[in-house]
Amino acid sequence: MLDYDFVRAGVQALVADRHFHLQETLCEAIAALCLADPRVERVTVRTSKPDVYPDAAVGCEIVRGR
């Protein structure tokens, strides 16, 4: 079973250490973090910025596997 505390702490460390200009870059970094656990075979990462536009949300979704 995946340790979600590890994932949460890892994401917090990622965003504390650097600024991500692109959601795609952040998604890739989160996917790599999850895939660093050898038990993880596939990951779907989805981000959203619901407050960029008043009438739409901006988002990114990637799927990565081994």
N, C-alpha and C. Protein backbone atom coordinates (compact mmCIF):
# COMPACT_ATOMS: atom_id res chain seq x y z
N MET A 1 0.83 -1.17 0.00
CA MET A 1 0.00 0.00 0.00
C MET A 1 0.88 1.24 0.00
N LEU A 2 0.52 2.22 -0.79
CA LEU A 2 1.28 3.46 -0.91
C LEU A 2 1.11 4.31 0.35
N ASP A 3 2.20 4.86 0.83
CA ASP A 3 2.19 5.72 2.00
C ASP A 3 1.83 7.14 1.56
N TYR A 4 0.58 7.53 1.75
CA TYR A 4 0.14 8.84 1.30
C TYR A 4 0.75 9.97 2.12
N ASP A 5 1.18 9.69 3.34
CA ASP A 5 1.91 10.69 4.12
C ASP A 5 3.24 11.02 3.43
N PHE A 6 3.88 9.99 2.87
CA PHE A 6 5.13 10.18 2.14
C PHE A 6 4.89 11.05 0.90
N VAL A 7 3.81 10.77 0.18
CA VAL A 7 3.49 11.54 -1.03
C VAL A 7 3.21 12.99 -0.65
N ARG A 8 2.41 13.19 0.38
CA ARG A 8 2.07 14.55 0.82
C ARG A 8 3.32 15.32 1.23
N ALA A 9 4.16 14.69 2.04
CA ALA A 9 5.40 15.34 2.48
C ALA A 9 6.32 15.63 1.29
N GLY A 10 6.36 14.71 0.35
CA GLY A 10 7.18 14.90 -0.84
C GLY A 10 6.71 16.06 -1.69
N VAL A 11 5.41 16.18 -1.87
CA VAL A 11 4.86 17.29 -2.65
C VAL A 11 5.12 18.61 -1.93
N GLN A 12 4.95 18.63 -0.61
CA GLN A 12 5.23 19.84 0.16
C GLN A 12 6.70 20.25 0.00
N ALA A 13 7.61 19.28 0.02
CA ALA A 13 9.03 19.57 -0.16
C ALA A 13 9.31 20.09 -1.56
N LEU A 14 8.66 19.51 -2.57
CA LEU A 14 8.84 19.97 -3.95
C LEU A 14 8.48 21.44 -4.10
N VAL A 15 7.32 21.81 -3.60
CA VAL A 15 6.86 23.19 -3.81
C VAL A 15 7.55 24.17 -2.87
N ALA A 16 8.14 23.68 -1.79
CA ALA A 16 8.89 24.56 -0.89
C ALA A 16 10.26 24.89 -1.47
N ASP A 17 10.83 23.95 -2.23
CA ASP A 17 12.20 24.11 -2.74
C ASP A 17 12.28 24.91 -4.03
N ARG A 18 11.20 24.98 -4.79
CA ARG A 18 11.27 25.67 -6.08
C ARG A 18 9.90 26.15 -6.51
N HIS A 19 9.91 27.07 -7.47
CA HIS A 19 8.67 27.58 -8.05
C HIS A 19 8.47 26.90 -9.40
N PHE A 20 7.30 26.39 -9.62
CA PHE A 20 6.98 25.74 -10.89
C PHE A 20 6.20 26.71 -11.76
N HIS A 21 6.76 27.06 -12.91
CA HIS A 21 6.09 27.97 -13.83
C HIS A 21 5.00 27.26 -14.63
N LEU A 22 5.15 25.96 -14.81
CA LEU A 22 4.19 25.19 -15.59
C LEU A 22 3.59 24.08 -14.75
N GLN A 23 2.29 23.91 -14.86
CA GLN A 23 1.64 22.81 -14.16
C GLN A 23 2.16 21.46 -14.65
N GLU A 24 2.50 21.39 -15.92
CA GLU A 24 3.01 20.14 -16.48
C GLU A 24 4.31 19.72 -15.77
N THR A 25 5.16 20.69 -15.48
CA THR A 25 6.42 20.39 -14.80
C THR A 25 6.17 19.89 -13.39
N LEU A 26 5.23 20.51 -12.70
CA LEU A 26 4.86 20.08 -11.36
C LEU A 26 4.29 18.66 -11.40
N CYS A 27 3.41 18.39 -12.35
CA CYS A 27 2.83 17.04 -12.48
C CYS A 27 3.92 16.00 -12.73
N GLU A 28 4.88 16.31 -13.59
CA GLU A 28 5.97 15.38 -13.86
C GLU A 28 6.78 15.11 -12.60
N ALA A 29 7.05 16.14 -11.82
CA ALA A 29 7.83 15.98 -10.58
C ALA A 29 7.08 15.12 -9.57
N ILE A 30 5.78 15.32 -9.47
CA ILE A 30 4.97 14.52 -8.54
C ILE A 30 4.92 13.07 -9.01
N ALA A 31 4.77 12.86 -10.32
CA ALA A 31 4.76 11.50 -10.85
C ALA A 31 6.08 10.80 -10.57
N ALA A 32 7.19 11.49 -10.76
CA ALA A 32 8.51 10.90 -10.49
C ALA A 32 8.65 10.56 -9.01
N LEU A 33 8.15 11.42 -8.15
CA LEU A 33 8.17 11.15 -6.71
C LEU A 33 7.44 9.85 -6.40
N CYS A 34 6.25 9.70 -6.94
CA CYS A 34 5.45 8.50 -6.68
C CYS A 34 6.10 7.25 -7.27
N LEU A 35 6.65 7.37 -8.48
CA LEU A 35 7.26 6.22 -9.13
C LEU A 35 8.60 5.85 -8.51
N ALA A 36 9.13 6.69 -7.63
CA ALA A 36 10.36 6.34 -6.91
C ALA A 36 10.12 5.18 -5.95
N ASP A 37 8.86 4.98 -5.56
CA ASP A 37 8.49 3.84 -4.73
C ASP A 37 8.34 2.63 -5.66
N PRO A 38 9.15 1.60 -5.48
CA PRO A 38 9.12 0.47 -6.42
C PRO A 38 7.79 -0.27 -6.48
N ARG A 39 6.94 -0.08 -5.51
CA ARG A 39 5.63 -0.74 -5.52
C ARG A 39 4.64 -0.04 -6.45
N VAL A 40 4.94 1.18 -6.81
CA VAL A 40 4.04 1.95 -7.68
C VAL A 40 4.35 1.60 -9.13
N GLU A 41 3.34 1.11 -9.84
CA GLU A 41 3.52 0.73 -11.24
C GLU A 41 3.00 1.80 -12.19
N ARG A 42 2.01 2.55 -11.74
CA ARG A 42 1.38 3.55 -12.59
C ARG A 42 0.83 4.65 -11.70
N VAL A 43 0.89 5.88 -12.21
CA VAL A 43 0.39 7.01 -11.45
C VAL A 43 -0.35 7.98 -12.37
N THR A 44 -1.44 8.52 -11.87
CA THR A 44 -2.16 9.60 -12.54
C THR A 44 -2.07 10.82 -11.63
N VAL A 45 -1.58 11.91 -12.20
CA VAL A 45 -1.46 13.16 -11.44
C VAL A 45 -2.31 14.21 -12.13
N ARG A 46 -3.12 14.87 -11.36
CA ARG A 46 -4.01 15.91 -11.88
C ARG A 46 -3.87 17.16 -11.03
N THR A 47 -3.68 18.30 -11.69
CA THR A 47 -3.64 19.57 -10.98
C THR A 47 -4.69 20.50 -11.57
N SER A 48 -5.07 21.49 -10.78
CA SER A 48 -6.08 22.44 -11.24
C SER A 48 -5.81 23.80 -10.61
N LYS A 49 -6.02 24.84 -11.39
CA LYS A 49 -5.98 26.22 -10.92
C LYS A 49 -7.36 26.81 -11.18
N PRO A 50 -8.27 26.67 -10.24
CA PRO A 50 -9.64 27.10 -10.49
C PRO A 50 -9.86 28.61 -10.46
N ASP A 51 -8.85 29.37 -10.02
CA ASP A 51 -9.06 30.81 -9.87
C ASP A 51 -8.32 31.66 -10.89
N VAL A 52 -7.79 31.06 -11.96
CA VAL A 52 -7.06 31.82 -12.97
C VAL A 52 -8.02 32.68 -13.79
N TYR A 53 -9.12 32.10 -14.18
CA TYR A 53 -10.14 32.81 -14.96
C TYR A 53 -11.46 32.74 -14.23
N PRO A 54 -12.28 33.76 -14.36
CA PRO A 54 -13.56 33.74 -13.64
C PRO A 54 -14.56 32.71 -14.19
N ASP A 55 -14.35 32.28 -15.43
CA ASP A 55 -15.33 31.39 -16.05
C ASP A 55 -14.78 30.03 -16.44
N ALA A 56 -13.54 29.71 -16.01
CA ALA A 56 -12.95 28.43 -16.38
C ALA A 56 -11.80 28.08 -15.44
N ALA A 57 -11.54 26.80 -15.32
CA ALA A 57 -10.39 26.32 -14.55
C ALA A 57 -9.31 25.85 -15.52
N VAL A 58 -8.08 26.03 -15.15
CA VAL A 58 -6.95 25.57 -15.94
C VAL A 58 -6.36 24.36 -15.24
N GLY A 59 -6.06 23.31 -16.00
CA GLY A 59 -5.56 22.11 -15.35
C GLY A 59 -4.65 21.30 -16.22
N CYS A 60 -4.10 20.28 -15.62
CA CYS A 60 -3.19 19.36 -16.30
C CYS A 60 -3.39 17.98 -15.71
N GLU A 61 -3.34 16.96 -16.55
CA GLU A 61 -3.39 15.58 -16.08
C GLU A 61 -2.40 14.77 -16.89
N ILE A 62 -1.59 13.99 -16.18
CA ILE A 62 -0.65 13.08 -16.85
C ILE A 62 -0.78 11.70 -16.25
N VAL A 63 -0.47 10.70 -17.04
CA VAL A 63 -0.42 9.31 -16.59
C VAL A 63 0.96 8.78 -16.94
N ARG A 64 1.63 8.23 -15.95
CA ARG A 64 2.97 7.68 -16.16
C ARG A 64 3.05 6.29 -15.56
N GLY A 65 3.86 5.45 -16.14
CA GLY A 65 4.05 4.10 -15.63
C GLY A 65 5.47 3.63 -15.86
N ARG A 66 5.72 2.47 -15.38
CA ARG A 66 7.05 1.88 -15.54
C ARG A 66 7.18 1.23 -16.90
